[in-house]
Amino acid sequence: MKKAMIPLGLFVVLLVFLARGLMLDPREVPSPLIGKPAPAFTTGRLLAADTLFSTKELLGQVWLLNIWASWCVACRQEHPVLMEFAKSKMLPIVGLDYKDKDRDGLNWLAQFGNPYDIVVTDHDAHIGIDYGVYGVPESFLIDKAGIIRYKQIGPITAEALQNKIVPLVRELQK
C-alpha cells in the first residue's frame, strides 16, 4: 500500500508544478541581461546606408532599443503607441530592423511613420542574438551607463508605457 502512494505523491507534485507554470505570464520571462551592460554594437543605419551607428554614441543618455521587423504582425500593434510616445521626445528611441530587407524596412516606415531617432539594421540577427531576442517586437530600456534596466517582451502597450517605462525613464534620468 505504501509503495503505491509514492507514484501518486510524485504525480501530485508534478501536477502542482504544471499548474503553477500554466499560471505564469510568458511576457514576464526574466531576462538575464537586466542589470548588466547592454551588448555594444556598431551597425549600418537604415536611412543612411553609408553611415554607421555605435551604441557608444548614446552613453550618458537613457535610451530605448526597440527591435522590430516589417514582417512582424505584433509590431503593427505596437507601432501607433511608439509613434505617440516619440512625440514626447522623452528619450532617444533606436529602432533595430531585425532580419529584414532594407527595402522592406524603408517601405514599412514610409507607410506607418517613423517614431525612431535612429534606425539601424540587423540583417544576420547577430545583434538580436547578443540581446537574447527570440521574437519581435522586444524593447530594452538602457540607462546612462549602458546598463539594461528593463526588457519588454512583445508589443509596448499604452499601459506598459504609463505604468512601467515612463516612470522608470524619469527615475533613470535624475
N, C-alpha and C. Protein backbone atom coordinates (compact mmCIF):
# COMPACT_ATOMS: atom_id res chain seq x y z
N MET A 1 0.81 -1.20 0.00
CA MET A 1 0.00 0.00 0.00
C MET A 1 0.86 1.27 0.00
N LYS A 2 1.93 1.26 0.84
CA LYS A 2 2.79 2.44 0.92
C LYS A 2 3.55 2.65 -0.39
N LYS A 3 3.92 1.56 -1.08
CA LYS A 3 4.64 1.68 -2.35
C LYS A 3 3.75 2.30 -3.42
N ALA A 4 2.47 2.07 -3.37
CA ALA A 4 1.53 2.65 -4.33
C ALA A 4 1.37 4.15 -4.09
N MET A 5 1.61 4.63 -2.91
CA MET A 5 1.45 6.05 -2.58
C MET A 5 2.60 6.89 -3.15
N ILE A 6 3.76 6.30 -3.33
CA ILE A 6 4.91 7.06 -3.85
C ILE A 6 4.63 7.59 -5.25
N PRO A 7 4.22 6.75 -6.21
CA PRO A 7 3.91 7.30 -7.54
C PRO A 7 2.77 8.33 -7.49
N LEU A 8 1.78 8.08 -6.66
CA LEU A 8 0.68 9.04 -6.54
C LEU A 8 1.17 10.37 -5.99
N GLY A 9 2.05 10.32 -5.00
CA GLY A 9 2.62 11.55 -4.43
C GLY A 9 3.44 12.31 -5.46
N LEU A 10 4.26 11.59 -6.22
CA LEU A 10 5.05 12.22 -7.28
C LEU A 10 4.15 12.84 -8.35
N PHE A 11 3.08 12.16 -8.67
CA PHE A 11 2.13 12.67 -9.66
C PHE A 11 1.49 13.97 -9.17
N VAL A 12 1.13 14.03 -7.91
CA VAL A 12 0.52 15.24 -7.33
C VAL A 12 1.51 16.40 -7.35
N VAL A 13 2.76 16.13 -6.99
CA VAL A 13 3.80 17.18 -7.02
C VAL A 13 3.98 17.69 -8.45
N LEU A 14 4.02 16.79 -9.40
CA LEU A 14 4.15 17.17 -10.81
C LEU A 14 2.97 18.04 -11.25
N LEU A 15 1.77 17.68 -10.85
CA LEU A 15 0.59 18.47 -11.18
C LEU A 15 0.66 19.88 -10.59
N VAL A 16 1.17 20.00 -9.38
CA VAL A 16 1.31 21.31 -8.74
C VAL A 16 2.27 22.18 -9.56
N PHE A 17 3.42 21.62 -9.95
CA PHE A 17 4.37 22.37 -10.76
C PHE A 17 3.78 22.75 -12.11
N LEU A 18 3.07 21.87 -12.74
CA LEU A 18 2.43 22.15 -14.02
C LEU A 18 1.39 23.26 -13.88
N ALA A 19 0.56 23.17 -12.86
CA ALA A 19 -0.46 24.20 -12.63
C ALA A 19 0.18 25.56 -12.39
N ARG A 20 1.25 25.58 -11.62
CA ARG A 20 1.97 26.83 -11.35
C ARG A 20 2.53 27.41 -12.65
N GLY A 21 3.11 26.58 -13.47
CA GLY A 21 3.67 27.03 -14.75
C GLY A 21 2.62 27.57 -15.69
N LEU A 22 1.45 26.98 -15.69
CA LEU A 22 0.38 27.45 -16.57
C LEU A 22 -0.17 28.80 -16.14
N MET A 23 0.04 29.18 -14.89
CA MET A 23 -0.45 30.46 -14.40
C MET A 23 0.52 31.60 -14.67
N LEU A 24 1.74 31.31 -15.09
CA LEU A 24 2.74 32.34 -15.35
C LEU A 24 2.46 33.04 -16.68
N ASP A 25 2.79 34.30 -16.74
CA ASP A 25 2.63 35.10 -17.96
C ASP A 25 3.91 34.94 -18.78
N PRO A 26 3.83 34.44 -20.02
CA PRO A 26 5.05 34.26 -20.82
C PRO A 26 5.74 35.58 -21.15
N ARG A 27 5.03 36.70 -21.03
CA ARG A 27 5.65 38.00 -21.28
C ARG A 27 6.50 38.46 -20.10
N GLU A 28 6.43 37.76 -19.00
CA GLU A 28 7.18 38.11 -17.82
C GLU A 28 8.43 37.25 -17.65
N VAL A 29 8.93 36.71 -18.74
CA VAL A 29 10.15 35.91 -18.67
C VAL A 29 11.29 36.84 -18.30
N PRO A 30 11.95 36.59 -17.18
CA PRO A 30 13.02 37.50 -16.78
C PRO A 30 14.22 37.37 -17.72
N SER A 31 14.81 38.50 -18.02
CA SER A 31 15.99 38.49 -18.88
C SER A 31 17.24 38.43 -18.01
N PRO A 32 18.18 37.57 -18.37
CA PRO A 32 19.43 37.53 -17.61
C PRO A 32 20.27 38.79 -17.83
N LEU A 33 19.87 39.63 -18.80
CA LEU A 33 20.63 40.85 -19.09
C LEU A 33 20.25 42.04 -18.21
N ILE A 34 19.12 41.95 -17.51
CA ILE A 34 18.70 43.07 -16.66
C ILE A 34 19.78 43.31 -15.61
N GLY A 35 20.21 44.57 -15.51
CA GLY A 35 21.25 44.92 -14.55
C GLY A 35 22.66 44.71 -15.07
N LYS A 36 22.78 44.28 -16.31
CA LYS A 36 24.10 44.04 -16.90
C LYS A 36 24.32 45.01 -18.07
N PRO A 37 25.57 45.22 -18.47
CA PRO A 37 25.83 46.11 -19.60
C PRO A 37 25.14 45.63 -20.88
N ALA A 38 24.54 46.55 -21.58
CA ALA A 38 23.93 46.23 -22.86
C ALA A 38 25.03 45.83 -23.84
N PRO A 39 24.82 44.77 -24.59
CA PRO A 39 25.82 44.40 -25.58
C PRO A 39 26.08 45.56 -26.56
N ALA A 40 27.33 45.94 -26.67
CA ALA A 40 27.71 47.03 -27.57
C ALA A 40 27.66 46.51 -29.01
N PHE A 41 27.29 47.41 -29.91
CA PHE A 41 27.32 47.03 -31.32
C PHE A 41 27.53 48.26 -32.18
N THR A 42 28.03 48.01 -33.37
CA THR A 42 28.14 49.02 -34.42
C THR A 42 27.53 48.38 -35.65
N THR A 43 26.62 49.11 -36.29
CA THR A 43 25.94 48.56 -37.46
C THR A 43 25.50 49.70 -38.37
N GLY A 44 25.04 49.32 -39.55
CA GLY A 44 24.60 50.31 -40.53
C GLY A 44 23.26 50.93 -40.17
N ARG A 45 23.10 52.15 -40.60
CA ARG A 45 21.83 52.86 -40.43
C ARG A 45 20.94 52.54 -41.62
N LEU A 46 19.67 52.38 -41.37
CA LEU A 46 18.74 52.06 -42.44
C LEU A 46 18.50 53.26 -43.35
N LEU A 47 18.35 54.43 -42.77
CA LEU A 47 18.02 55.62 -43.57
C LEU A 47 19.23 56.32 -44.15
N ALA A 48 20.41 55.92 -43.73
CA ALA A 48 21.65 56.48 -44.26
C ALA A 48 22.64 55.32 -44.37
N ALA A 49 22.47 54.52 -45.39
CA ALA A 49 23.19 53.25 -45.53
C ALA A 49 24.71 53.42 -45.53
N ASP A 50 25.19 54.60 -45.84
CA ASP A 50 26.64 54.80 -45.90
C ASP A 50 27.23 55.22 -44.55
N THR A 51 26.42 55.29 -43.49
CA THR A 51 26.93 55.66 -42.18
C THR A 51 26.64 54.56 -41.16
N LEU A 52 27.47 54.51 -40.14
CA LEU A 52 27.32 53.52 -39.10
C LEU A 52 26.80 54.16 -37.82
N PHE A 53 26.21 53.34 -36.97
CA PHE A 53 25.78 53.75 -35.64
C PHE A 53 26.48 52.85 -34.65
N SER A 54 26.92 53.43 -33.53
CA SER A 54 27.51 52.67 -32.44
C SER A 54 26.76 53.02 -31.15
N THR A 55 26.55 52.02 -30.32
CA THR A 55 25.87 52.26 -29.05
C THR A 55 26.68 53.23 -28.18
N LYS A 56 27.95 53.36 -28.43
CA LYS A 56 28.79 54.30 -27.67
C LYS A 56 28.29 55.74 -27.83
N GLU A 57 27.60 56.02 -28.94
CA GLU A 57 27.08 57.36 -29.20
C GLU A 57 26.04 57.77 -28.16
N LEU A 58 25.41 56.80 -27.50
CA LEU A 58 24.33 57.10 -26.57
C LEU A 58 24.74 56.99 -25.11
N LEU A 59 26.01 56.73 -24.83
CA LEU A 59 26.46 56.72 -23.45
C LEU A 59 26.19 58.09 -22.84
N GLY A 60 25.71 58.10 -21.61
CA GLY A 60 25.35 59.35 -20.95
C GLY A 60 23.89 59.72 -21.13
N GLN A 61 23.15 58.91 -21.90
CA GLN A 61 21.72 59.14 -22.13
C GLN A 61 20.94 57.88 -21.81
N VAL A 62 19.72 58.06 -21.33
CA VAL A 62 18.79 56.94 -21.21
C VAL A 62 18.16 56.78 -22.58
N TRP A 63 18.08 55.55 -23.08
CA TRP A 63 17.52 55.34 -24.42
C TRP A 63 16.79 54.01 -24.50
N LEU A 64 15.95 53.91 -25.51
CA LEU A 64 15.14 52.72 -25.72
C LEU A 64 15.55 52.06 -27.03
N LEU A 65 15.87 50.77 -26.96
CA LEU A 65 16.15 49.98 -28.15
C LEU A 65 14.91 49.16 -28.44
N ASN A 66 14.28 49.42 -29.59
CA ASN A 66 13.07 48.71 -29.99
C ASN A 66 13.42 47.83 -31.19
N ILE A 67 13.23 46.53 -31.04
CA ILE A 67 13.55 45.58 -32.09
C ILE A 67 12.26 45.22 -32.82
N TRP A 68 12.22 45.46 -34.12
CA TRP A 68 11.01 45.31 -34.93
C TRP A 68 11.39 44.75 -36.30
N ALA A 69 10.39 44.44 -37.09
CA ALA A 69 10.60 43.98 -38.47
C ALA A 69 9.34 44.25 -39.28
N SER A 70 9.51 44.44 -40.56
CA SER A 70 8.36 44.71 -41.44
C SER A 70 7.44 43.49 -41.53
N TRP A 71 7.98 42.30 -41.32
CA TRP A 71 7.19 41.07 -41.42
C TRP A 71 6.50 40.72 -40.10
N CYS A 72 6.68 41.52 -39.08
CA CYS A 72 6.17 41.23 -37.73
C CYS A 72 4.75 41.76 -37.56
N VAL A 73 3.81 40.86 -37.33
CA VAL A 73 2.41 41.24 -37.15
C VAL A 73 2.22 42.02 -35.86
N ALA A 74 2.84 41.58 -34.77
CA ALA A 74 2.69 42.26 -33.48
C ALA A 74 3.30 43.66 -33.50
N CYS A 75 4.26 43.89 -34.37
CA CYS A 75 4.86 45.22 -34.49
C CYS A 75 3.84 46.24 -34.98
N ARG A 76 2.86 45.78 -35.75
CA ARG A 76 1.81 46.68 -36.21
C ARG A 76 0.95 47.17 -35.06
N GLN A 77 0.75 46.33 -34.03
CA GLN A 77 0.02 46.74 -32.83
C GLN A 77 0.80 47.79 -32.06
N GLU A 78 2.08 47.59 -31.96
CA GLU A 78 2.95 48.43 -31.16
C GLU A 78 3.23 49.79 -31.80
N HIS A 79 3.28 49.81 -33.12
CA HIS A 79 3.76 50.98 -33.84
C HIS A 79 3.01 52.28 -33.52
N PRO A 80 1.67 52.29 -33.48
CA PRO A 80 0.98 53.54 -33.13
C PRO A 80 1.33 54.03 -31.72
N VAL A 81 1.56 53.12 -30.81
CA VAL A 81 1.95 53.50 -29.45
C VAL A 81 3.32 54.17 -29.48
N LEU A 82 4.25 53.60 -30.24
CA LEU A 82 5.58 54.20 -30.37
C LEU A 82 5.51 55.56 -31.06
N MET A 83 4.66 55.66 -32.07
CA MET A 83 4.51 56.95 -32.77
C MET A 83 4.06 58.04 -31.80
N GLU A 84 3.12 57.72 -30.96
CA GLU A 84 2.61 58.69 -29.98
C GLU A 84 3.68 59.01 -28.93
N PHE A 85 4.34 57.97 -28.43
CA PHE A 85 5.38 58.15 -27.42
C PHE A 85 6.54 58.99 -27.96
N ALA A 86 6.89 58.81 -29.21
CA ALA A 86 8.01 59.54 -29.81
C ALA A 86 7.77 61.05 -29.79
N LYS A 87 6.52 61.46 -29.82
CA LYS A 87 6.20 62.89 -29.80
C LYS A 87 6.65 63.56 -28.51
N SER A 88 6.76 62.79 -27.43
CA SER A 88 7.16 63.34 -26.15
C SER A 88 8.64 63.73 -26.12
N LYS A 89 9.44 63.16 -27.00
CA LYS A 89 10.89 63.40 -27.05
C LYS A 89 11.53 63.15 -25.68
N MET A 90 10.97 62.21 -24.93
CA MET A 90 11.44 61.91 -23.59
C MET A 90 12.84 61.30 -23.59
N LEU A 91 13.12 60.50 -24.62
CA LEU A 91 14.41 59.83 -24.72
C LEU A 91 14.61 59.41 -26.17
N PRO A 92 15.86 59.16 -26.56
CA PRO A 92 16.09 58.66 -27.91
C PRO A 92 15.54 57.23 -28.05
N ILE A 93 14.90 56.99 -29.18
CA ILE A 93 14.40 55.66 -29.49
C ILE A 93 15.18 55.15 -30.70
N VAL A 94 15.85 54.03 -30.50
CA VAL A 94 16.61 53.40 -31.58
C VAL A 94 15.80 52.20 -32.07
N GLY A 95 15.49 52.19 -33.34
CA GLY A 95 14.77 51.07 -33.94
C GLY A 95 15.75 50.13 -34.62
N LEU A 96 15.72 48.88 -34.24
CA LEU A 96 16.59 47.86 -34.84
C LEU A 96 15.74 47.00 -35.76
N ASP A 97 15.92 47.18 -37.07
CA ASP A 97 15.18 46.41 -38.07
C ASP A 97 15.82 45.03 -38.15
N TYR A 98 15.10 44.03 -37.63
CA TYR A 98 15.63 42.71 -37.34
C TYR A 98 15.33 41.71 -38.46
N LYS A 99 16.40 41.10 -38.99
CA LYS A 99 16.26 40.04 -40.00
C LYS A 99 15.33 40.46 -41.15
N ASP A 100 15.57 41.63 -41.66
CA ASP A 100 14.70 42.23 -42.66
C ASP A 100 15.52 42.72 -43.85
N LYS A 101 14.86 42.91 -44.96
CA LYS A 101 15.49 43.53 -46.11
C LYS A 101 15.34 45.04 -45.97
N ASP A 102 16.38 45.79 -46.33
CA ASP A 102 16.34 47.24 -46.20
C ASP A 102 15.12 47.83 -46.90
N ARG A 103 14.86 47.37 -48.09
CA ARG A 103 13.73 47.87 -48.87
C ARG A 103 12.42 47.71 -48.09
N ASP A 104 12.23 46.54 -47.47
CA ASP A 104 11.01 46.28 -46.72
C ASP A 104 10.91 47.17 -45.49
N GLY A 105 12.03 47.35 -44.79
CA GLY A 105 12.04 48.24 -43.63
C GLY A 105 11.74 49.68 -44.01
N LEU A 106 12.32 50.13 -45.10
CA LEU A 106 12.06 51.50 -45.57
C LEU A 106 10.59 51.67 -45.97
N ASN A 107 10.04 50.69 -46.64
CA ASN A 107 8.62 50.75 -47.03
C ASN A 107 7.72 50.79 -45.80
N TRP A 108 8.04 49.99 -44.79
CA TRP A 108 7.28 49.96 -43.54
C TRP A 108 7.24 51.36 -42.91
N LEU A 109 8.43 51.98 -42.80
CA LEU A 109 8.50 53.31 -42.18
C LEU A 109 7.77 54.36 -43.01
N ALA A 110 7.85 54.24 -44.33
CA ALA A 110 7.13 55.17 -45.20
C ALA A 110 5.62 55.01 -45.04
N GLN A 111 5.16 53.78 -44.87
CA GLN A 111 3.72 53.52 -44.76
C GLN A 111 3.16 53.86 -43.38
N PHE A 112 3.88 53.51 -42.31
CA PHE A 112 3.33 53.64 -40.96
C PHE A 112 3.90 54.80 -40.16
N GLY A 113 4.96 55.44 -40.66
CA GLY A 113 5.60 56.53 -39.94
C GLY A 113 6.85 56.05 -39.24
N ASN A 114 7.68 57.01 -38.86
CA ASN A 114 8.97 56.69 -38.24
C ASN A 114 9.05 57.30 -36.84
N PRO A 115 8.88 56.48 -35.79
CA PRO A 115 8.98 57.00 -34.43
C PRO A 115 10.42 57.06 -33.91
N TYR A 116 11.37 56.58 -34.70
CA TYR A 116 12.73 56.40 -34.23
C TYR A 116 13.62 57.61 -34.48
N ASP A 117 14.51 57.85 -33.53
CA ASP A 117 15.53 58.87 -33.72
C ASP A 117 16.65 58.32 -34.60
N ILE A 118 16.90 57.02 -34.44
CA ILE A 118 17.92 56.32 -35.21
C ILE A 118 17.34 54.97 -35.61
N VAL A 119 17.53 54.58 -36.87
CA VAL A 119 17.06 53.27 -37.32
C VAL A 119 18.28 52.52 -37.86
N VAL A 120 18.52 51.34 -37.28
CA VAL A 120 19.67 50.54 -37.68
C VAL A 120 19.21 49.16 -38.14
N THR A 121 20.12 48.41 -38.72
CA THR A 121 19.77 47.12 -39.30
C THR A 121 20.50 45.98 -38.59
N ASP A 122 19.86 44.83 -38.61
CA ASP A 122 20.45 43.60 -38.08
C ASP A 122 20.06 42.47 -39.04
N HIS A 123 20.65 42.50 -40.23
CA HIS A 123 20.30 41.54 -41.27
C HIS A 123 20.53 40.09 -40.86
N ASP A 124 21.63 39.84 -40.19
CA ASP A 124 22.01 38.46 -39.88
C ASP A 124 21.66 38.05 -38.44
N ALA A 125 20.97 38.91 -37.71
CA ALA A 125 20.49 38.64 -36.34
C ALA A 125 21.59 38.52 -35.30
N HIS A 126 22.79 38.96 -35.59
CA HIS A 126 23.86 38.87 -34.60
C HIS A 126 23.60 39.76 -33.40
N ILE A 127 23.08 40.94 -33.64
CA ILE A 127 22.77 41.85 -32.52
C ILE A 127 21.62 41.27 -31.71
N GLY A 128 20.60 40.79 -32.38
CA GLY A 128 19.48 40.17 -31.68
C GLY A 128 19.91 38.99 -30.83
N ILE A 129 20.83 38.21 -31.32
CA ILE A 129 21.34 37.07 -30.55
C ILE A 129 22.04 37.57 -29.29
N ASP A 130 22.85 38.62 -29.43
CA ASP A 130 23.56 39.17 -28.27
C ASP A 130 22.59 39.67 -27.20
N TYR A 131 21.44 40.17 -27.63
CA TYR A 131 20.43 40.68 -26.70
C TYR A 131 19.45 39.60 -26.24
N GLY A 132 19.60 38.39 -26.74
CA GLY A 132 18.73 37.30 -26.33
C GLY A 132 17.33 37.40 -26.90
N VAL A 133 17.21 38.01 -28.07
CA VAL A 133 15.90 38.17 -28.71
C VAL A 133 15.45 36.82 -29.26
N TYR A 134 14.23 36.47 -28.94
CA TYR A 134 13.66 35.25 -29.52
C TYR A 134 12.37 35.52 -30.24
N GLY A 135 11.98 36.77 -30.33
CA GLY A 135 10.80 37.15 -31.09
C GLY A 135 10.70 38.67 -31.13
N VAL A 136 10.03 39.18 -32.11
CA VAL A 136 9.84 40.62 -32.19
C VAL A 136 8.36 40.93 -32.05
N PRO A 137 8.03 42.06 -31.52
CA PRO A 137 8.93 43.10 -31.01
C PRO A 137 9.42 42.79 -29.60
N GLU A 138 10.57 43.31 -29.32
CA GLU A 138 11.14 43.34 -27.98
C GLU A 138 11.81 44.69 -27.82
N SER A 139 11.81 45.20 -26.59
CA SER A 139 12.42 46.51 -26.34
C SER A 139 13.24 46.45 -25.07
N PHE A 140 14.30 47.25 -25.05
CA PHE A 140 15.21 47.32 -23.92
C PHE A 140 15.40 48.77 -23.53
N LEU A 141 15.22 49.06 -22.25
CA LEU A 141 15.49 50.39 -21.72
C LEU A 141 16.90 50.37 -21.14
N ILE A 142 17.74 51.27 -21.63
CA ILE A 142 19.15 51.27 -21.28
C ILE A 142 19.49 52.60 -20.61
N ASP A 143 20.19 52.52 -19.48
CA ASP A 143 20.47 53.73 -18.70
C ASP A 143 21.69 54.47 -19.22
N LYS A 144 22.04 55.57 -18.53
CA LYS A 144 23.14 56.44 -18.96
C LYS A 144 24.49 55.73 -18.98
N ALA A 145 24.64 54.72 -18.14
CA ALA A 145 25.90 53.98 -18.08
C ALA A 145 25.93 52.79 -19.04
N GLY A 146 24.84 52.60 -19.81
CA GLY A 146 24.79 51.50 -20.76
C GLY A 146 24.32 50.19 -20.15
N ILE A 147 23.61 50.27 -19.02
CA ILE A 147 23.11 49.09 -18.33
C ILE A 147 21.64 48.87 -18.72
N ILE A 148 21.28 47.64 -19.03
CA ILE A 148 19.88 47.32 -19.34
C ILE A 148 19.09 47.33 -18.04
N ARG A 149 18.05 48.15 -18.00
CA ARG A 149 17.23 48.29 -16.79
C ARG A 149 15.84 47.68 -16.92
N TYR A 150 15.40 47.45 -18.17
CA TYR A 150 14.05 46.89 -18.36
C TYR A 150 14.00 46.24 -19.73
N LYS A 151 13.23 45.14 -19.81
CA LYS A 151 13.00 44.48 -21.09
C LYS A 151 11.51 44.27 -21.25
N GLN A 152 10.99 44.71 -22.38
CA GLN A 152 9.58 44.49 -22.74
C GLN A 152 9.55 43.39 -23.80
N ILE A 153 8.92 42.30 -23.45
CA ILE A 153 8.73 41.21 -24.42
C ILE A 153 7.37 41.42 -25.06
N GLY A 154 7.32 41.44 -26.36
CA GLY A 154 6.07 41.68 -27.06
C GLY A 154 5.85 43.17 -27.25
N PRO A 155 4.70 43.52 -27.80
CA PRO A 155 4.43 44.93 -28.11
C PRO A 155 4.38 45.81 -26.87
N ILE A 156 4.95 46.99 -27.01
CA ILE A 156 4.78 48.01 -25.97
C ILE A 156 3.34 48.50 -26.08
N THR A 157 2.66 48.51 -24.96
CA THR A 157 1.28 48.99 -24.91
C THR A 157 1.26 50.34 -24.20
N ALA A 158 0.14 51.03 -24.32
CA ALA A 158 -0.02 52.30 -23.61
C ALA A 158 0.10 52.07 -22.11
N GLU A 159 -0.43 50.95 -21.62
CA GLU A 159 -0.35 50.64 -20.19
C GLU A 159 1.09 50.39 -19.76
N ALA A 160 1.85 49.66 -20.57
CA ALA A 160 3.25 49.41 -20.23
C ALA A 160 4.04 50.72 -20.20
N LEU A 161 3.75 51.61 -21.13
CA LEU A 161 4.41 52.91 -21.13
C LEU A 161 4.09 53.68 -19.86
N GLN A 162 2.82 53.79 -19.57
CA GLN A 162 2.36 54.59 -18.44
C GLN A 162 2.79 54.00 -17.09
N ASN A 163 2.68 52.69 -16.95
CA ASN A 163 2.91 52.08 -15.64
C ASN A 163 4.33 51.61 -15.38
N LYS A 164 5.10 51.33 -16.44
CA LYS A 164 6.44 50.79 -16.24
C LYS A 164 7.53 51.66 -16.86
N ILE A 165 7.41 51.90 -18.17
CA ILE A 165 8.52 52.51 -18.90
C ILE A 165 8.72 53.98 -18.55
N VAL A 166 7.69 54.79 -18.64
CA VAL A 166 7.83 56.23 -18.37
C VAL A 166 8.29 56.48 -16.93
N PRO A 167 7.70 55.85 -15.90
CA PRO A 167 8.22 56.09 -14.55
C PRO A 167 9.69 55.69 -14.39
N LEU A 168 10.07 54.58 -15.03
CA LEU A 168 11.47 54.15 -14.94
C LEU A 168 12.39 55.12 -15.68
N VAL A 169 11.96 55.62 -16.83
CA VAL A 169 12.76 56.60 -17.58
C VAL A 169 12.98 57.84 -16.71
N ARG A 170 11.92 58.33 -16.09
CA ARG A 170 12.05 59.53 -15.23
C ARG A 170 13.03 59.30 -14.09
N GLU A 171 12.95 58.12 -13.50
CA GLU A 171 13.86 57.78 -12.40
C GLU A 171 15.31 57.72 -12.88
N LEU A 172 15.52 57.10 -14.05
CA LEU A 172 16.87 56.95 -14.58
C LEU A 172 17.47 58.26 -15.08
N GLN A 173 16.63 59.22 -15.45
CA GLN A 173 17.13 60.48 -15.96
C GLN A 173 17.52 61.46 -14.86
N LYS A 174 17.25 61.13 -13.60
CA LYS A 174 17.61 62.01 -12.48
C LYS A 174 19.11 62.12 -12.33
